[in-house]
Amino acid sequence: MKTRSAIWAVLFATAATFATTTRGQFTEPLRVGNVHPLADVFARKLDGPAYSPRARVDVFAMGRIGRPAVLLTNTYVGANASPGKGYFSLTIPDRPATNTVLRVVAYDAATSNDASYFRSANAPVPATGRMLLDFNAWQPMAKFDGDADAAYADALDRMHASGIDSDDDGMTDWEEVLAGTDVGNDASLMAFEAIEVPIAEVSPRTASPDEPVLVLVQWQSVPGRTYQLQHAPSLLRDPETGEVAWEDVGDTITADPGETSIRVEVELDEPGAASAGHFRLKLVL
């Protein structure tokens, strides 16, 4: 019995030592995320599920010469992250050594080859806990050789091709960027606010439809943008040209600083134009 007791004691002691060693060697995974939402150069919050192509995030270990050396992992903005848009979250199971400098790069496309811009953040790995990053400003990709205009045009072309309407207001993001309106606000768009015939004009118009009619037209505007108001008596297309007969009404109008609404009085000569005609607004670039 004494011998058997000694054997069990050795087994218990060995098991206890093994358990202690296993716990001591456990390394906490490194979780990486961002502090502020990532928005592109057009102020749109990037979100993987909602945008195509999606925004990519790569994590590199910095080499001795201060350049990205090894790709540790990658993800997409909006993937496995909540709440809200513009955030990413990824896990590096094999946590790098404490104080190892990582470089995290976010691209405005699904691949670095397709991207026009990138944002980066360098930070040392903390001893414990998560690694939350605050990114630098967007920079053009090296393929544009420092030509910011070319990078902007490339990103704008990709936006045009995507046809995305982030705020579901009927204007695509591409159209809103050109118009200067807010891509994330469905109340901000290039649209008419009012088209009215003053009451004083109703009686003369009814009695003599051939006389010119005064119409008040008002639309949302963005300071610095230039507009051309146009009118067409009918939306039927001309059989020969296949086009609607739009005609300019007055001169172009540029919104003054702080001017968010433009109201003009126009005089229409066509009989019945005020009741049957149509207006449209053209942005002059």
C-alpha atoms as a PDB file:
ATOM      1  CA  MET A   1       0.000   0.000   0.000  1.00  0.00           C
ATOM      2  CA  LYS A   2       2.802   2.410   0.804  1.00  0.00           C
ATOM      3  CA  THR A   3       4.322   1.818  -2.628  1.00  0.00           C
ATOM      4  CA  ARG A   4       1.006   2.412  -4.431  1.00  0.00           C
ATOM      5  CA  SER A   5       0.433   5.634  -2.458  1.00  0.00           C
ATOM      6  CA  ALA A   6       3.854   6.852  -3.502  1.00  0.00           C
ATOM      7  CA  ILE A   7       3.044   6.162  -7.168  1.00  0.00           C
ATOM      8  CA  TRP A   8      -0.253   8.110  -7.001  1.00  0.00           C
ATOM      9  CA  ALA A   9       1.521  10.978  -5.299  1.00  0.00           C
ATOM     10  CA  VAL A  10       4.027  11.160  -8.126  1.00  0.00           C
ATOM     11  CA  LEU A  11       1.258  11.074 -10.722  1.00  0.00           C
ATOM     12  CA  PHE A  12      -0.660  13.857  -9.012  1.00  0.00           C
ATOM     13  CA  ALA A  13       2.458  15.949  -8.669  1.00  0.00           C
ATOM     14  CA  THR A  14       3.315  15.491 -12.341  1.00  0.00           C
ATOM     15  CA  ALA A  15      -0.215  16.439 -13.454  1.00  0.00           C
ATOM     16  CA  ALA A  16      -0.167  19.580 -11.331  1.00  0.00           C
ATOM     17  CA  THR A  17       3.175  20.636 -12.771  1.00  0.00           C
ATOM     18  CA  PHE A  18       1.983  20.068 -16.343  1.00  0.00           C
ATOM     19  CA  ALA A  19      -1.171  22.158 -15.810  1.00  0.00           C
ATOM     20  CA  THR A  20       0.833  25.045 -14.383  1.00  0.00           C
ATOM     21  CA  THR A  21       3.269  24.986 -17.302  1.00  0.00           C
ATOM     22  CA  THR A  22       0.441  24.959 -19.890  1.00  0.00           C
ATOM     23  CA  ARG A  23      -1.259  28.007 -18.370  1.00  0.00           C
ATOM     24  CA  GLY A  24       2.026  29.839 -18.143  1.00  0.00           C
ATOM     25  CA  GLN A  25       2.696  29.421 -21.874  1.00  0.00           C
ATOM     26  CA  PHE A  26      -0.724  30.713 -23.017  1.00  0.00           C
ATOM     27  CA  THR A  27      -0.470  33.804 -25.251  1.00  0.00           C
ATOM     28  CA  GLU A  28      -3.414  36.157 -25.635  1.00  0.00           C
ATOM     29  CA  PRO A  29      -4.413  36.751 -29.284  1.00  0.00           C
ATOM     30  CA  LEU A  30      -3.972  40.321 -30.556  1.00  0.00           C
ATOM     31  CA  ARG A  31      -7.205  42.034 -31.506  1.00  0.00           C
ATOM     32  CA  VAL A  32      -6.830  45.037 -33.798  1.00  0.00           C
ATOM     33  CA  GLY A  33      -9.447  47.691 -34.594  1.00  0.00           C
ATOM     34  CA  ASN A  34      -9.930  51.406 -35.236  1.00  0.00           C
ATOM     35  CA  VAL A  35     -10.910  54.265 -32.927  1.00  0.00           C
ATOM     36  CA  HIS A  36     -12.725  56.459 -35.458  1.00  0.00           C
ATOM     37  CA  PRO A  37     -14.804  55.335 -38.469  1.00  0.00           C
ATOM     38  CA  LEU A  38     -12.905  55.084 -41.729  1.00  0.00           C
ATOM     39  CA  ALA A  39     -14.394  57.433 -44.333  1.00  0.00           C
ATOM     40  CA  ASP A  40     -13.047  57.780 -47.865  1.00  0.00           C
ATOM     41  CA  VAL A  41     -11.902  60.987 -49.567  1.00  0.00           C
ATOM     42  CA  PHE A  42     -15.545  61.733 -50.406  1.00  0.00           C
ATOM     43  CA  ALA A  43     -16.533  61.586 -46.707  1.00  0.00           C
ATOM     44  CA  ARG A  44     -18.424  58.304 -47.145  1.00  0.00           C
ATOM     45  CA  LYS A  45     -18.104  55.924 -44.217  1.00  0.00           C
ATOM     46  CA  LEU A  46     -16.633  52.748 -45.626  1.00  0.00           C
ATOM     47  CA  ASP A  47     -18.481  49.541 -44.934  1.00  0.00           C
ATOM     48  CA  GLY A  48     -17.702  46.181 -46.491  1.00  0.00           C
ATOM     49  CA  PRO A  49     -21.216  44.761 -46.875  1.00  0.00           C
ATOM     50  CA  ALA A  50     -22.623  47.995 -48.321  1.00  0.00           C
ATOM     51  CA  TYR A  51     -19.919  48.990 -50.772  1.00  0.00           C
ATOM     52  CA  SER A  52     -18.505  47.330 -53.854  1.00  0.00           C
ATOM     53  CA  PRO A  53     -15.607  47.153 -54.176  1.00  0.00           C
ATOM     54  CA  ARG A  54     -15.020  46.954 -50.435  1.00  0.00           C
ATOM     55  CA  ALA A  55     -12.246  48.646 -48.468  1.00  0.00           C
ATOM     56  CA  ARG A  56      -9.352  46.368 -47.561  1.00  0.00           C
ATOM     57  CA  VAL A  57      -7.222  46.440 -44.395  1.00  0.00           C
ATOM     58  CA  ASP A  58      -3.778  44.767 -44.224  1.00  0.00           C
ATOM     59  CA  VAL A  59      -1.588  44.268 -41.162  1.00  0.00           C
ATOM     60  CA  PHE A  60       2.176  44.094 -41.656  1.00  0.00           C
ATOM     61  CA  ALA A  61       5.072  43.439 -39.293  1.00  0.00           C
ATOM     62  CA  MET A  62       7.703  46.132 -39.794  1.00  0.00           C
ATOM     63  CA  GLY A  63      11.143  45.000 -40.912  1.00  0.00           C
ATOM     64  CA  ARG A  64      14.476  46.221 -39.577  1.00  0.00           C
ATOM     65  CA  ILE A  65      14.781  48.932 -42.197  1.00  0.00           C
ATOM     66  CA  GLY A  66      11.428  50.419 -41.231  1.00  0.00           C
ATOM     67  CA  ARG A  67       9.373  49.025 -44.107  1.00  0.00           C
ATOM     68  CA  PRO A  68       6.468  46.570 -44.122  1.00  0.00           C
ATOM     69  CA  ALA A  69       8.043  43.130 -44.254  1.00  0.00           C
ATOM     70  CA  VAL A  70       5.513  40.390 -43.509  1.00  0.00           C
ATOM     71  CA  LEU A  71       1.751  40.399 -44.120  1.00  0.00           C
ATOM     72  CA  LEU A  72       0.256  38.998 -40.913  1.00  0.00           C
ATOM     73  CA  THR A  73      -3.436  39.136 -41.819  1.00  0.00           C
ATOM     74  CA  ASN A  74      -6.110  41.180 -43.592  1.00  0.00           C
ATOM     75  CA  THR A  75      -9.827  41.920 -43.530  1.00  0.00           C
ATOM     76  CA  TYR A  76     -12.432  44.292 -44.972  1.00  0.00           C
ATOM     77  CA  VAL A  77     -13.901  47.376 -43.368  1.00  0.00           C
ATOM     78  CA  GLY A  78     -17.298  46.414 -42.021  1.00  0.00           C
ATOM     79  CA  ALA A  79     -16.478  42.716 -41.743  1.00  0.00           C
ATOM     80  CA  ASN A  80     -16.986  41.211 -38.275  1.00  0.00           C
ATOM     81  CA  ALA A  81     -17.281  44.661 -36.725  1.00  0.00           C
ATOM     82  CA  SER A  82     -20.135  46.421 -34.968  1.00  0.00           C
ATOM     83  CA  PRO A  83     -21.688  48.795 -34.233  1.00  0.00           C
ATOM     84  CA  GLY A  84     -21.812  51.289 -37.058  1.00  0.00           C
ATOM     85  CA  LYS A  85     -20.130  51.736 -40.400  1.00  0.00           C
ATOM     86  CA  GLY A  86     -16.495  52.441 -41.023  1.00  0.00           C
ATOM     87  CA  TYR A  87     -15.064  50.048 -38.437  1.00  0.00           C
ATOM     88  CA  PHE A  88     -13.025  46.892 -38.798  1.00  0.00           C
ATOM     89  CA  SER A  89     -11.981  44.214 -36.346  1.00  0.00           C
ATOM     90  CA  LEU A  90      -9.487  41.414 -36.822  1.00  0.00           C
ATOM     91  CA  THR A  91      -7.624  38.927 -34.655  1.00  0.00           C
ATOM     92  CA  ILE A  92      -4.010  37.780 -34.914  1.00  0.00           C
ATOM     93  CA  PRO A  93      -3.973  34.401 -33.116  1.00  0.00           C
ATOM     94  CA  ASP A  94      -0.174  34.280 -32.863  1.00  0.00           C
ATOM     95  CA  ARG A  95       0.312  37.523 -30.957  1.00  0.00           C
ATOM     96  CA  PRO A  96       3.537  39.331 -31.980  1.00  0.00           C
ATOM     97  CA  ALA A  97       6.062  40.089 -29.261  1.00  0.00           C
ATOM     98  CA  THR A  98       5.399  43.127 -27.094  1.00  0.00           C
ATOM     99  CA  ASN A  99       6.599  46.410 -28.670  1.00  0.00           C
ATOM    100  CA  THR A 100       6.825  44.870 -32.145  1.00  0.00           C
ATOM    101  CA  VAL A 101       5.847  47.688 -34.505  1.00  0.00           C
ATOM    102  CA  LEU A 102       2.927  46.859 -36.788  1.00  0.00           C
ATOM    103  CA  ARG A 103       1.820  48.835 -39.813  1.00  0.00           C
ATOM    104  CA  VAL A 104      -1.902  48.707 -40.579  1.00  0.00           C
ATOM    105  CA  VAL A 105      -2.923  49.935 -44.028  1.00  0.00           C
ATOM    106  CA  ALA A 106      -6.482  50.624 -45.193  1.00  0.00           C
ATOM    107  CA  TYR A 107      -7.214  50.859 -48.929  1.00  0.00           C
ATOM    108  CA  ASP A 108     -10.288  52.383 -50.551  1.00  0.00           C
ATOM    109  CA  ALA A 109     -10.862  49.260 -52.658  1.00  0.00           C
ATOM    110  CA  ALA A 110     -10.965  45.498 -52.268  1.00  0.00           C
ATOM    111  CA  THR A 111      -7.341  45.146 -53.396  1.00  0.00           C
ATOM    112  CA  SER A 112      -4.293  47.377 -53.226  1.00  0.00           C
ATOM    113  CA  ASN A 113      -4.000  47.186 -57.029  1.00  0.00           C
ATOM    114  CA  ASP A 114      -7.480  48.675 -57.483  1.00  0.00           C
ATOM    115  CA  ALA A 115      -7.091  51.305 -54.764  1.00  0.00           C
ATOM    116  CA  SER A 116      -6.676  55.020 -55.423  1.00  0.00           C
ATOM    117  CA  TYR A 117      -5.849  55.971 -51.829  1.00  0.00           C
ATOM    118  CA  PHE A 118      -4.565  54.422 -48.626  1.00  0.00           C
ATOM    119  CA  ARG A 119      -4.470  55.337 -44.936  1.00  0.00           C
ATOM    120  CA  SER A 120      -1.952  53.929 -42.497  1.00  0.00           C
ATOM    121  CA  ALA A 121      -1.189  53.660 -38.809  1.00  0.00           C
ATOM    122  CA  ASN A 122       1.978  52.420 -37.107  1.00  0.00           C
ATOM    123  CA  ALA A 123       1.877  51.264 -33.488  1.00  0.00           C
ATOM    124  CA  PRO A 124       3.761  48.947 -31.094  1.00  0.00           C
ATOM    125  CA  VAL A 125       2.074  45.795 -29.855  1.00  0.00           C
ATOM    126  CA  PRO A 126       0.896  46.314 -26.246  1.00  0.00           C
ATOM    127  CA  ALA A 127       1.790  43.802 -23.562  1.00  0.00           C
ATOM    128  CA  THR A 128      -1.874  42.954 -23.045  1.00  0.00           C
ATOM    129  CA  GLY A 129      -5.248  43.904 -24.434  1.00  0.00           C
ATOM    130  CA  ARG A 130      -6.404  45.228 -27.784  1.00  0.00           C
ATOM    131  CA  MET A 131      -4.657  47.484 -30.275  1.00  0.00           C
ATOM    132  CA  LEU A 132      -6.916  50.387 -31.308  1.00  0.00           C
ATOM    133  CA  LEU A 133      -5.623  52.607 -34.085  1.00  0.00           C
ATOM    134  CA  ASP A 134      -6.176  56.168 -35.263  1.00  0.00           C
ATOM    135  CA  PHE A 135      -5.222  56.441 -38.946  1.00  0.00           C
ATOM    136  CA  ASN A 136      -3.326  59.150 -40.792  1.00  0.00           C
ATOM    137  CA  ALA A 137      -4.938  61.112 -43.635  1.00  0.00           C
ATOM    138  CA  TRP A 138      -5.602  59.515 -47.018  1.00  0.00           C
ATOM    139  CA  GLN A 139      -2.610  59.446 -49.345  1.00  0.00           C
ATOM    140  CA  PRO A 140      -2.591  58.709 -53.110  1.00  0.00           C
ATOM    141  CA  MET A 141      -1.245  55.304 -54.058  1.00  0.00           C
ATOM    142  CA  ALA A 142       2.333  55.254 -55.342  1.00  0.00           C
ATOM    143  CA  LYS A 143       1.132  54.381 -58.845  1.00  0.00           C
ATOM    144  CA  PHE A 144      -0.059  57.983 -59.200  1.00  0.00           C
ATOM    145  CA  ASP A 145       3.436  59.336 -58.502  1.00  0.00           C
ATOM    146  CA  GLY A 146       2.142  62.017 -56.169  1.00  0.00           C
ATOM    147  CA  ASP A 147      -0.504  63.240 -58.632  1.00  0.00           C
ATOM    148  CA  ALA A 148      -3.407  63.805 -56.240  1.00  0.00           C
ATOM    149  CA  ASP A 149      -5.703  64.948 -59.067  1.00  0.00           C
ATOM    150  CA  ALA A 150      -5.220  61.673 -60.930  1.00  0.00           C
ATOM    151  CA  ALA A 151      -5.914  59.665 -57.779  1.00  0.00           C
ATOM    152  CA  TYR A 152      -9.087  61.667 -57.111  1.00  0.00           C
ATOM    153  CA  ALA A 153     -10.281  61.184 -60.697  1.00  0.00           C
ATOM    154  CA  ASP A 154      -9.592  57.436 -60.469  1.00  0.00           C
ATOM    155  CA  ALA A 155     -11.591  57.133 -57.253  1.00  0.00           C
ATOM    156  CA  LEU A 156     -14.384  59.195 -58.784  1.00  0.00           C
ATOM    157  CA  ASP A 157     -14.478  56.918 -61.833  1.00  0.00           C
ATOM    158  CA  ARG A 158     -14.823  53.854 -59.620  1.00  0.00           C
ATOM    159  CA  MET A 159     -17.620  55.550 -57.713  1.00  0.00           C
ATOM    160  CA  HIS A 160     -19.396  56.341 -60.989  1.00  0.00           C
ATOM    161  CA  ALA A 161     -19.087  52.742 -62.163  1.00  0.00           C
ATOM    162  CA  SER A 162     -20.503  51.402 -58.879  1.00  0.00           C
ATOM    163  CA  GLY A 163     -23.745  53.411 -59.115  1.00  0.00           C
ATOM    164  CA  ILE A 164     -23.999  53.463 -55.312  1.00  0.00           C
ATOM    165  CA  ASP A 165     -26.585  55.692 -53.640  1.00  0.00           C
ATOM    166  CA  SER A 166     -25.537  55.632 -49.984  1.00  0.00           C
ATOM    167  CA  ASP A 167     -28.457  57.625 -48.610  1.00  0.00           C
ATOM    168  CA  ASP A 168     -31.155  56.316 -51.007  1.00  0.00           C
ATOM    169  CA  ASP A 169     -32.243  59.806 -52.062  1.00  0.00           C
ATOM    170  CA  GLY A 170     -32.339  59.096 -55.790  1.00  0.00           C
ATOM    171  CA  MET A 171     -28.970  60.711 -56.531  1.00  0.00           C
ATOM    172  CA  THR A 172     -25.951  58.436 -56.835  1.00  0.00           C
ATOM    173  CA  ASP A 173     -22.883  59.202 -54.733  1.00  0.00           C
ATOM    174  CA  TRP A 174     -21.095  60.258 -57.921  1.00  0.00           C
ATOM    175  CA  GLU A 175     -23.822  62.776 -58.746  1.00  0.00           C
ATOM    176  CA  GLU A 176     -23.803  64.121 -55.188  1.00  0.00           C
ATOM    177  CA  VAL A 177     -20.039  64.619 -55.150  1.00  0.00           C
ATOM    178  CA  LEU A 178     -20.317  66.646 -58.355  1.00  0.00           C
ATOM    179  CA  ALA A 179     -23.256  68.616 -56.953  1.00  0.00           C
ATOM    180  CA  GLY A 180     -21.517  69.199 -53.629  1.00  0.00           C
ATOM    181  CA  THR A 181     -24.350  67.683 -51.598  1.00  0.00           C
ATOM    182  CA  ASP A 182     -23.974  65.289 -48.661  1.00  0.00           C
ATOM    183  CA  VAL A 183     -23.739  61.639 -49.766  1.00  0.00           C
ATOM    184  CA  GLY A 184     -24.894  60.493 -46.331  1.00  0.00           C
ATOM    185  CA  ASN A 185     -27.937  62.760 -45.915  1.00  0.00           C
ATOM    186  CA  ASP A 186     -31.101  61.978 -47.871  1.00  0.00           C
ATOM    187  CA  ALA A 187     -32.351  65.535 -47.294  1.00  0.00           C
ATOM    188  CA  SER A 188     -29.289  66.985 -49.049  1.00  0.00           C
ATOM    189  CA  LEU A 189     -29.651  66.731 -52.806  1.00  0.00           C
ATOM    190  CA  MET A 190     -29.984  68.849 -55.931  1.00  0.00           C
ATOM    191  CA  ALA A 191     -33.747  69.221 -56.084  1.00  0.00           C
ATOM    192  CA  PHE A 192     -36.509  71.764 -56.565  1.00  0.00           C
ATOM    193  CA  GLU A 193     -38.111  73.131 -53.410  1.00  0.00           C
ATOM    194  CA  ALA A 194     -40.970  75.006 -55.078  1.00  0.00           C
ATOM    195  CA  ILE A 195     -42.445  75.783 -58.501  1.00  0.00           C
ATOM    196  CA  GLU A 196     -45.321  78.242 -58.152  1.00  0.00           C
ATOM    197  CA  VAL A 197     -47.499  80.576 -60.222  1.00  0.00           C
ATOM    198  CA  PRO A 198     -48.414  83.648 -58.125  1.00  0.00           C
ATOM    199  CA  ILE A 199     -52.127  84.056 -57.508  1.00  0.00           C
ATOM    200  CA  ALA A 200     -52.089  87.416 -59.266  1.00  0.00           C
ATOM    201  CA  GLU A 201     -51.033  85.628 -62.458  1.00  0.00           C
ATOM    202  CA  VAL A 202     -53.837  83.093 -62.479  1.00  0.00           C
ATOM    203  CA  SER A 203     -56.629  85.364 -63.708  1.00  0.00           C
ATOM    204  CA  PRO A 204     -54.693  86.906 -66.625  1.00  0.00           C
ATOM    205  CA  ARG A 205     -53.371  83.496 -67.610  1.00  0.00           C
ATOM    206  CA  THR A 206     -56.886  82.076 -67.685  1.00  0.00           C
ATOM    207  CA  ALA A 207     -58.301  85.005 -69.601  1.00  0.00           C
ATOM    208  CA  SER A 208     -55.459  85.321 -72.090  1.00  0.00           C
ATOM    209  CA  PRO A 209     -53.282  82.162 -72.313  1.00  0.00           C
ATOM    210  CA  ASP A 210     -51.087  83.736 -74.987  1.00  0.00           C
ATOM    211  CA  GLU A 211     -49.634  86.285 -72.572  1.00  0.00           C
ATOM    212  CA  PRO A 212     -46.336  85.551 -70.765  1.00  0.00           C
ATOM    213  CA  VAL A 213     -46.711  83.925 -67.366  1.00  0.00           C
ATOM    214  CA  LEU A 214     -44.539  84.586 -64.316  1.00  0.00           C
ATOM    215  CA  VAL A 215     -43.356  81.475 -62.454  1.00  0.00           C
ATOM    216  CA  LEU A 216     -41.404  81.344 -59.179  1.00  0.00           C
ATOM    217  CA  VAL A 217     -38.822  78.547 -59.070  1.00  0.00           C
ATOM    218  CA  GLN A 218     -36.739  77.624 -56.020  1.00  0.00           C
ATOM    219  CA  TRP A 219     -34.130  74.904 -55.534  1.00  0.00           C
ATOM    220  CA  GLN A 220     -31.530  73.692 -53.050  1.00  0.00           C
ATOM    221  CA  SER A 221     -28.098  75.072 -53.792  1.00  0.00           C
ATOM    222  CA  VAL A 222     -24.505  74.590 -52.686  1.00  0.00           C
ATOM    223  CA  PRO A 223     -22.246  77.647 -52.347  1.00  0.00           C
ATOM    224  CA  GLY A 224     -19.901  77.967 -55.320  1.00  0.00           C
ATOM    225  CA  ARG A 225     -21.889  75.635 -57.583  1.00  0.00           C
ATOM    226  CA  THR A 226     -23.265  77.039 -60.857  1.00  0.00           C
ATOM    227  CA  TYR A 227     -26.724  76.153 -62.189  1.00  0.00           C
ATOM    228  CA  GLN A 228     -28.667  76.543 -65.428  1.00  0.00           C
ATOM    229  CA  LEU A 229     -32.456  76.383 -65.218  1.00  0.00           C
ATOM    230  CA  GLN A 230     -34.125  74.798 -68.258  1.00  0.00           C
ATOM    231  CA  HIS A 231     -37.727  74.406 -69.413  1.00  0.00           C
ATOM    232  CA  ALA A 232     -39.538  72.183 -71.913  1.00  0.00           C
ATOM    233  CA  PRO A 233     -43.209  72.530 -72.930  1.00  0.00           C
ATOM    234  CA  SER A 234     -43.447  68.740 -73.228  1.00  0.00           C
ATOM    235  CA  LEU A 235     -41.381  65.668 -72.398  1.00  0.00           C
ATOM    236  CA  LEU A 236     -42.249  64.079 -75.738  1.00  0.00           C
ATOM    237  CA  ARG A 237     -39.148  63.511 -77.847  1.00  0.00           C
ATOM    238  CA  ASP A 238     -38.744  65.117 -81.234  1.00  0.00           C
ATOM    239  CA  PRO A 239     -39.307  62.453 -83.932  1.00  0.00           C
ATOM    240  CA  GLU A 240     -36.269  63.618 -85.894  1.00  0.00           C
ATOM    241  CA  THR A 241     -33.702  64.301 -83.155  1.00  0.00           C
ATOM    242  CA  GLY A 242     -35.030  61.909 -80.523  1.00  0.00           C
ATOM    243  CA  GLU A 243     -34.431  64.603 -77.900  1.00  0.00           C
ATOM    244  CA  VAL A 244     -36.664  66.553 -75.548  1.00  0.00           C
ATOM    245  CA  ALA A 245     -36.780  70.248 -76.491  1.00  0.00           C
ATOM    246  CA  TRP A 246     -35.116  71.671 -73.368  1.00  0.00           C
ATOM    247  CA  GLU A 247     -34.290  75.377 -73.520  1.00  0.00           C
ATOM    248  CA  ASP A 248     -32.239  77.514 -71.156  1.00  0.00           C
ATOM    249  CA  VAL A 249     -34.218  79.903 -68.974  1.00  0.00           C
ATOM    250  CA  GLY A 250     -32.186  82.995 -68.169  1.00  0.00           C
ATOM    251  CA  ASP A 251     -28.462  83.011 -67.472  1.00  0.00           C
ATOM    252  CA  THR A 252     -26.436  80.662 -65.300  1.00  0.00           C
ATOM    253  CA  ILE A 253     -26.571  81.338 -61.552  1.00  0.00           C
ATOM    254  CA  THR A 254     -23.732  80.696 -59.093  1.00  0.00           C
ATOM    255  CA  ALA A 255     -24.683  80.243 -55.448  1.00  0.00           C
ATOM    256  CA  ASP A 256     -23.049  82.792 -53.143  1.00  0.00           C
ATOM    257  CA  PRO A 257     -21.175  81.796 -49.947  1.00  0.00           C
ATOM    258  CA  GLY A 258     -23.706  80.595 -47.394  1.00  0.00           C
ATOM    259  CA  GLU A 259     -26.494  80.438 -49.985  1.00  0.00           C
ATOM    260  CA  THR A 260     -28.295  77.104 -49.638  1.00  0.00           C
ATOM    261  CA  SER A 261     -31.419  77.977 -51.607  1.00  0.00           C
ATOM    262  CA  ILE A 262     -31.934  79.940 -54.831  1.00  0.00           C
ATOM    263  CA  ARG A 263     -35.287  81.489 -55.759  1.00  0.00           C
ATOM    264  CA  VAL A 264     -35.849  83.091 -59.167  1.00  0.00           C
ATOM    265  CA  GLU A 265     -38.730  84.539 -61.153  1.00  0.00           C
ATOM    266  CA  VAL A 266     -38.975  83.378 -64.759  1.00  0.00           C
ATOM    267  CA  GLU A 267     -41.298  84.488 -67.532  1.00  0.00           C
ATOM    268  CA  LEU A 268     -42.660  81.836 -69.875  1.00  0.00           C
ATOM    269  CA  ASP A 269     -43.982  82.808 -73.302  1.00  0.00           C
ATOM    270  CA  GLU A 270     -45.445  79.462 -74.413  1.00  0.00           C
ATOM    271  CA  PRO A 271     -49.248  79.206 -74.117  1.00  0.00           C
ATOM    272  CA  GLY A 272     -50.131  76.993 -71.166  1.00  0.00           C
ATOM    273  CA  ALA A 273     -46.467  76.470 -70.295  1.00  0.00           C
ATOM    274  CA  ALA A 274     -46.983  77.104 -66.601  1.00  0.00           C
ATOM    275  CA  SER A 275     -49.513  74.305 -66.264  1.00  0.00           C
ATOM    276  CA  ALA A 276     -48.187  71.788 -68.782  1.00  0.00           C
ATOM    277  CA  GLY A 277     -44.466  72.514 -69.022  1.00  0.00           C
ATOM    278  CA  HIS A 278     -41.546  70.990 -67.163  1.00  0.00           C
ATOM    279  CA  PHE A 279     -38.423  72.398 -65.470  1.00  0.00           C
ATOM    280  CA  ARG A 280     -35.072  70.792 -64.905  1.00  0.00           C
ATOM    281  CA  LEU A 281     -31.848  71.957 -63.296  1.00  0.00           C
ATOM    282  CA  LYS A 282     -28.478  71.531 -64.972  1.00  0.00           C
ATOM    283  CA  LEU A 283     -25.221  71.662 -63.032  1.00  0.00           C
ATOM    284  CA  VAL A 284     -22.572  73.628 -64.894  1.00  0.00           C
ATOM    285  CA  LEU A 285     -19.096  72.243 -64.186  1.00  0.00           C
END
